[in-house]
Amino acid sequence: MESYFSVIFLFAILFIIFRQQKQYIIKRMISKRKGSGKDMLKLAEQFIGKRCIFYTFNSQVVGTVKEIGENGILIEEKENLQIINPDYVSRIREYPRNKKGKYKDVIFD
């Protein structure tokens, strides 16, 4: 019984350590990128009015770029508005179209 408890306790400690390391690495990556958001805003200006895919560290956002402000990018998804912090954007891609000019249903990326 004590051996099971010690094994579970060991796994719990390892889980906590690895989780803290992951958070530290992500924070370090973000702090290195600070200031690069200004460059991303300049690059995003060419996508105003177009439907795009925004890739961040942990998700993707699809929507039409409505406005680019000093500290964020305003995106319209169907009927919702959303603002993305450019410091977290790693890639912007125009939504692909098929041969007929319609938006593709499935994107392999």
N, C-alpha and C. Protein backbone atom coordinates (compact mmCIF):
# COMPACT_ATOMS: atom_id res chain seq x y z
N MET A 1 0.82 -1.20 0.00
CA MET A 1 0.00 0.00 0.00
C MET A 1 0.86 1.25 0.00
N GLU A 2 1.92 1.24 0.78
CA GLU A 2 2.79 2.41 0.84
C GLU A 2 3.53 2.62 -0.48
N SER A 3 3.83 1.54 -1.18
CA SER A 3 4.54 1.68 -2.46
C SER A 3 3.66 2.36 -3.49
N TYR A 4 2.36 2.03 -3.50
CA TYR A 4 1.44 2.70 -4.42
C TYR A 4 1.35 4.19 -4.13
N PHE A 5 1.28 4.51 -2.86
CA PHE A 5 1.20 5.92 -2.46
C PHE A 5 2.46 6.67 -2.88
N SER A 6 3.61 6.07 -2.71
CA SER A 6 4.86 6.74 -3.08
C SER A 6 5.00 6.90 -4.58
N VAL A 7 4.52 5.93 -5.37
CA VAL A 7 4.57 6.04 -6.83
C VAL A 7 3.63 7.14 -7.31
N ILE A 8 2.43 7.20 -6.77
CA ILE A 8 1.47 8.25 -7.14
C ILE A 8 2.02 9.61 -6.74
N PHE A 9 2.60 9.70 -5.56
CA PHE A 9 3.17 10.96 -5.10
C PHE A 9 4.31 11.40 -6.02
N LEU A 10 5.15 10.46 -6.45
CA LEU A 10 6.26 10.78 -7.36
C LEU A 10 5.75 11.30 -8.69
N PHE A 11 4.72 10.63 -9.26
CA PHE A 11 4.15 11.09 -10.52
C PHE A 11 3.52 12.47 -10.38
N ALA A 12 2.87 12.74 -9.27
CA ALA A 12 2.26 14.05 -9.04
C ALA A 12 3.34 15.14 -9.01
N ILE A 13 4.44 14.87 -8.34
CA ILE A 13 5.52 15.85 -8.27
C ILE A 13 6.13 16.08 -9.65
N LEU A 14 6.36 15.01 -10.40
CA LEU A 14 6.92 15.15 -11.75
C LEU A 14 5.98 15.92 -12.66
N PHE A 15 4.67 15.66 -12.54
CA PHE A 15 3.69 16.39 -13.33
C PHE A 15 3.74 17.88 -13.04
N ILE A 16 3.81 18.24 -11.78
CA ILE A 16 3.86 19.65 -11.39
C ILE A 16 5.14 20.30 -11.91
N ILE A 17 6.25 19.61 -11.82
CA ILE A 17 7.53 20.18 -12.29
C ILE A 17 7.50 20.40 -13.80
N PHE A 18 7.03 19.41 -14.57
CA PHE A 18 7.00 19.56 -16.02
C PHE A 18 6.02 20.64 -16.45
N ARG A 19 4.91 20.77 -15.74
CA ARG A 19 3.95 21.82 -16.08
C ARG A 19 4.53 23.21 -15.83
N GLN A 20 5.24 23.38 -14.74
CA GLN A 20 5.86 24.67 -14.45
C GLN A 20 6.95 24.99 -15.48
N GLN A 21 7.70 23.98 -15.90
CA GLN A 21 8.73 24.21 -16.92
C GLN A 21 8.10 24.65 -18.23
N LYS A 22 6.99 24.03 -18.61
CA LYS A 22 6.30 24.39 -19.85
C LYS A 22 5.83 25.84 -19.78
N GLN A 23 5.23 26.23 -18.67
CA GLN A 23 4.77 27.60 -18.51
C GLN A 23 5.93 28.58 -18.55
N TYR A 24 7.06 28.22 -17.96
CA TYR A 24 8.24 29.07 -17.97
C TYR A 24 8.76 29.25 -19.40
N ILE A 25 8.79 28.18 -20.17
CA ILE A 25 9.27 28.25 -21.56
C ILE A 25 8.36 29.14 -22.39
N ILE A 26 7.05 29.00 -22.24
CA ILE A 26 6.11 29.83 -23.00
C ILE A 26 6.26 31.30 -22.62
N LYS A 27 6.40 31.59 -21.32
CA LYS A 27 6.58 32.98 -20.89
C LYS A 27 7.88 33.55 -21.45
N ARG A 28 8.92 32.75 -21.50
CA ARG A 28 10.19 33.20 -22.03
C ARG A 28 10.09 33.49 -23.53
N MET A 29 9.35 32.63 -24.26
CA MET A 29 9.17 32.85 -25.70
C MET A 29 8.40 34.14 -25.95
N ILE A 30 7.38 34.38 -25.14
CA ILE A 30 6.57 35.58 -25.30
C ILE A 30 7.39 36.82 -24.97
N SER A 31 8.19 36.77 -23.92
CA SER A 31 8.98 37.94 -23.55
C SER A 31 10.02 38.26 -24.62
N LYS A 32 10.54 37.26 -25.31
CA LYS A 32 11.48 37.51 -26.40
C LYS A 32 10.78 38.16 -27.58
N ARG A 33 9.50 37.85 -27.77
CA ARG A 33 8.76 38.37 -28.91
C ARG A 33 8.19 39.75 -28.65
N LYS A 34 8.22 40.24 -27.43
CA LYS A 34 7.67 41.56 -27.14
C LYS A 34 8.31 42.59 -28.06
N GLY A 35 7.47 43.42 -28.62
CA GLY A 35 7.98 44.42 -29.55
C GLY A 35 7.85 43.96 -30.99
N SER A 36 7.80 42.66 -31.21
CA SER A 36 7.64 42.18 -32.58
C SER A 36 6.18 42.29 -33.02
N GLY A 37 5.29 42.59 -32.07
CA GLY A 37 3.89 42.80 -32.41
C GLY A 37 3.70 44.01 -33.31
N LYS A 38 4.56 44.99 -33.18
CA LYS A 38 4.49 46.17 -34.06
C LYS A 38 4.76 45.78 -35.50
N ASP A 39 5.73 44.87 -35.69
CA ASP A 39 6.01 44.40 -37.04
C ASP A 39 4.84 43.61 -37.59
N MET A 40 4.20 42.82 -36.74
CA MET A 40 3.05 42.02 -37.18
C MET A 40 1.89 42.92 -37.56
N LEU A 41 1.71 44.04 -36.88
CA LEU A 41 0.64 44.98 -37.24
C LEU A 41 0.88 45.57 -38.63
N LYS A 42 2.13 45.91 -38.92
CA LYS A 42 2.45 46.45 -40.24
C LYS A 42 2.18 45.42 -41.33
N LEU A 43 2.53 44.18 -41.07
CA LEU A 43 2.31 43.13 -42.05
C LEU A 43 0.83 42.80 -42.20
N ALA A 44 0.07 42.90 -41.11
CA ALA A 44 -1.35 42.55 -41.14
C ALA A 44 -2.18 43.58 -41.90
N GLU A 45 -1.66 44.76 -42.11
CA GLU A 45 -2.42 45.80 -42.81
C GLU A 45 -2.80 45.39 -44.23
N GLN A 46 -2.02 44.55 -44.85
CA GLN A 46 -2.33 44.12 -46.22
C GLN A 46 -3.50 43.13 -46.27
N PHE A 47 -3.96 42.65 -45.11
CA PHE A 47 -5.05 41.69 -45.06
C PHE A 47 -6.38 42.32 -44.67
N ILE A 48 -6.47 43.63 -44.58
CA ILE A 48 -7.72 44.30 -44.19
C ILE A 48 -8.80 43.98 -45.23
N GLY A 49 -9.95 43.52 -44.74
CA GLY A 49 -11.07 43.17 -45.61
C GLY A 49 -11.02 41.75 -46.15
N LYS A 50 -9.98 41.00 -45.84
CA LYS A 50 -9.85 39.64 -46.34
C LYS A 50 -10.09 38.64 -45.21
N ARG A 51 -10.55 37.47 -45.59
CA ARG A 51 -10.75 36.39 -44.61
C ARG A 51 -9.41 35.69 -44.40
N CYS A 52 -8.99 35.58 -43.14
CA CYS A 52 -7.66 35.07 -42.83
C CYS A 52 -7.72 34.05 -41.69
N ILE A 53 -6.61 33.31 -41.58
CA ILE A 53 -6.40 32.40 -40.46
C ILE A 53 -5.24 32.97 -39.65
N PHE A 54 -5.47 33.19 -38.36
CA PHE A 54 -4.43 33.69 -37.47
C PHE A 54 -3.97 32.54 -36.59
N TYR A 55 -2.69 32.26 -36.62
CA TYR A 55 -2.11 31.19 -35.81
C TYR A 55 -1.45 31.81 -34.59
N THR A 56 -1.86 31.36 -33.41
CA THR A 56 -1.24 31.80 -32.17
C THR A 56 -0.52 30.61 -31.55
N PHE A 57 -0.02 30.76 -30.35
CA PHE A 57 0.74 29.69 -29.72
C PHE A 57 -0.09 28.44 -29.49
N ASN A 58 -1.36 28.59 -29.19
CA ASN A 58 -2.15 27.42 -28.84
C ASN A 58 -3.48 27.30 -29.58
N SER A 59 -3.76 28.15 -30.55
CA SER A 59 -5.04 28.06 -31.24
C SER A 59 -4.96 28.72 -32.61
N GLN A 60 -6.07 28.61 -33.33
CA GLN A 60 -6.22 29.27 -34.62
C GLN A 60 -7.52 30.07 -34.59
N VAL A 61 -7.50 31.23 -35.20
CA VAL A 61 -8.69 32.07 -35.27
C VAL A 61 -8.94 32.37 -36.75
N VAL A 62 -10.17 32.13 -37.19
CA VAL A 62 -10.55 32.38 -38.58
C VAL A 62 -11.55 33.52 -38.59
N GLY A 63 -11.30 34.52 -39.43
CA GLY A 63 -12.24 35.62 -39.52
C GLY A 63 -11.77 36.68 -40.50
N THR A 64 -12.61 37.66 -40.71
CA THR A 64 -12.30 38.76 -41.62
C THR A 64 -11.67 39.90 -40.84
N VAL A 65 -10.56 40.41 -41.32
CA VAL A 65 -9.87 41.51 -40.65
C VAL A 65 -10.64 42.79 -40.93
N LYS A 66 -11.13 43.41 -39.88
CA LYS A 66 -11.91 44.64 -40.02
C LYS A 66 -11.06 45.89 -39.80
N GLU A 67 -10.22 45.84 -38.78
CA GLU A 67 -9.47 47.04 -38.41
C GLU A 67 -8.19 46.63 -37.69
N ILE A 68 -7.17 47.43 -37.87
CA ILE A 68 -5.91 47.20 -37.17
C ILE A 68 -5.61 48.43 -36.35
N GLY A 69 -5.59 48.22 -35.03
CA GLY A 69 -5.33 49.33 -34.12
C GLY A 69 -3.90 49.33 -33.64
N GLU A 70 -3.64 50.17 -32.67
CA GLU A 70 -2.29 50.30 -32.14
C GLU A 70 -1.86 49.08 -31.33
N ASN A 71 -2.83 48.44 -30.65
CA ASN A 71 -2.49 47.33 -29.77
C ASN A 71 -3.20 46.03 -30.13
N GLY A 72 -3.90 45.98 -31.25
CA GLY A 72 -4.61 44.75 -31.57
C GLY A 72 -5.17 44.73 -32.98
N ILE A 73 -5.66 43.55 -33.33
CA ILE A 73 -6.26 43.32 -34.65
C ILE A 73 -7.72 42.95 -34.41
N LEU A 74 -8.65 43.70 -35.00
CA LEU A 74 -10.08 43.45 -34.85
C LEU A 74 -10.51 42.48 -35.94
N ILE A 75 -11.12 41.36 -35.51
CA ILE A 75 -11.52 40.31 -36.44
C ILE A 75 -13.01 40.04 -36.26
N GLU A 76 -13.72 39.85 -37.37
CA GLU A 76 -15.13 39.51 -37.32
C GLU A 76 -15.30 38.05 -37.72
N GLU A 77 -15.86 37.26 -36.80
CA GLU A 77 -16.17 35.86 -37.06
C GLU A 77 -17.69 35.74 -37.11
N LYS A 78 -18.24 35.47 -38.26
CA LYS A 78 -19.68 35.40 -38.45
C LYS A 78 -20.32 36.66 -37.89
N GLU A 79 -20.89 36.60 -36.69
CA GLU A 79 -21.52 37.79 -36.10
C GLU A 79 -20.75 38.31 -34.89
N ASN A 80 -19.65 37.66 -34.53
CA ASN A 80 -18.90 38.05 -33.34
C ASN A 80 -17.67 38.86 -33.71
N LEU A 81 -17.33 39.80 -32.85
CA LEU A 81 -16.10 40.55 -33.00
C LEU A 81 -15.08 40.05 -31.99
N GLN A 82 -13.84 40.05 -32.41
CA GLN A 82 -12.77 39.55 -31.54
C GLN A 82 -11.53 40.39 -31.78
N ILE A 83 -10.78 40.63 -30.72
CA ILE A 83 -9.52 41.37 -30.84
C ILE A 83 -8.39 40.42 -30.47
N ILE A 84 -7.36 40.40 -31.32
CA ILE A 84 -6.20 39.54 -31.08
C ILE A 84 -5.00 40.42 -30.77
N ASN A 85 -4.26 40.03 -29.76
CA ASN A 85 -3.02 40.71 -29.42
C ASN A 85 -1.94 40.28 -30.41
N PRO A 86 -1.33 41.19 -31.14
CA PRO A 86 -0.34 40.81 -32.16
C PRO A 86 0.94 40.21 -31.58
N ASP A 87 1.18 40.37 -30.28
CA ASP A 87 2.36 39.75 -29.67
C ASP A 87 2.25 38.23 -29.67
N TYR A 88 1.03 37.71 -29.70
CA TYR A 88 0.82 36.26 -29.65
C TYR A 88 0.65 35.64 -31.03
N VAL A 89 0.53 36.43 -32.07
CA VAL A 89 0.34 35.90 -33.43
C VAL A 89 1.68 35.48 -34.00
N SER A 90 1.73 34.22 -34.46
CA SER A 90 2.97 33.74 -35.06
C SER A 90 2.87 33.67 -36.57
N ARG A 91 1.65 33.60 -37.11
CA ARG A 91 1.49 33.47 -38.56
C ARG A 91 0.12 33.98 -38.97
N ILE A 92 0.04 34.66 -40.11
CA ILE A 92 -1.23 35.08 -40.69
C ILE A 92 -1.29 34.51 -42.10
N ARG A 93 -2.43 33.92 -42.43
CA ARG A 93 -2.57 33.30 -43.74
C ARG A 93 -3.94 33.64 -44.30
N GLU A 94 -4.00 34.04 -45.57
CA GLU A 94 -5.28 34.28 -46.20
C GLU A 94 -5.99 32.95 -46.37
N TYR A 95 -7.28 32.94 -46.10
CA TYR A 95 -8.04 31.69 -46.17
C TYR A 95 -8.01 31.16 -47.60
N PRO A 96 -7.61 29.90 -47.80
CA PRO A 96 -7.45 29.38 -49.17
C PRO A 96 -8.78 29.17 -49.88
N ARG A 97 -8.73 29.27 -51.19
CA ARG A 97 -9.90 29.07 -52.05
C ARG A 97 -9.65 27.89 -52.98
N ASN A 98 -10.75 27.29 -53.46
CA ASN A 98 -10.61 26.21 -54.43
C ASN A 98 -10.58 26.78 -55.85
N LYS A 99 -10.62 25.90 -56.83
CA LYS A 99 -10.50 26.33 -58.23
C LYS A 99 -11.65 27.22 -58.68
N LYS A 100 -12.82 27.05 -58.08
CA LYS A 100 -13.99 27.85 -58.44
C LYS A 100 -14.04 29.18 -57.71
N GLY A 101 -13.10 29.43 -56.83
CA GLY A 101 -13.06 30.69 -56.11
C GLY A 101 -13.79 30.68 -54.78
N LYS A 102 -14.35 29.52 -54.42
CA LYS A 102 -15.04 29.42 -53.13
C LYS A 102 -14.04 29.05 -52.05
N TYR A 103 -14.40 29.39 -50.80
CA TYR A 103 -13.53 29.04 -49.68
C TYR A 103 -13.52 27.52 -49.50
N LYS A 104 -12.36 26.97 -49.22
CA LYS A 104 -12.24 25.53 -49.01
C LYS A 104 -12.91 25.13 -47.71
N ASP A 105 -13.45 23.91 -47.72
CA ASP A 105 -14.11 23.39 -46.51
C ASP A 105 -13.10 22.82 -45.53
N VAL A 106 -12.08 22.14 -46.06
CA VAL A 106 -11.09 21.47 -45.23
C VAL A 106 -9.71 22.02 -45.56
N ILE A 107 -8.95 22.36 -44.53
CA ILE A 107 -7.61 22.89 -44.73
C ILE A 107 -6.64 21.96 -43.99
N PHE A 108 -5.66 21.46 -44.71
CA PHE A 108 -4.65 20.62 -44.10
C PHE A 108 -3.41 21.47 -43.88
N ASP A 109 -3.07 21.66 -42.62
CA ASP A 109 -1.95 22.55 -42.30
C ASP A 109 -1.09 21.96 -41.25
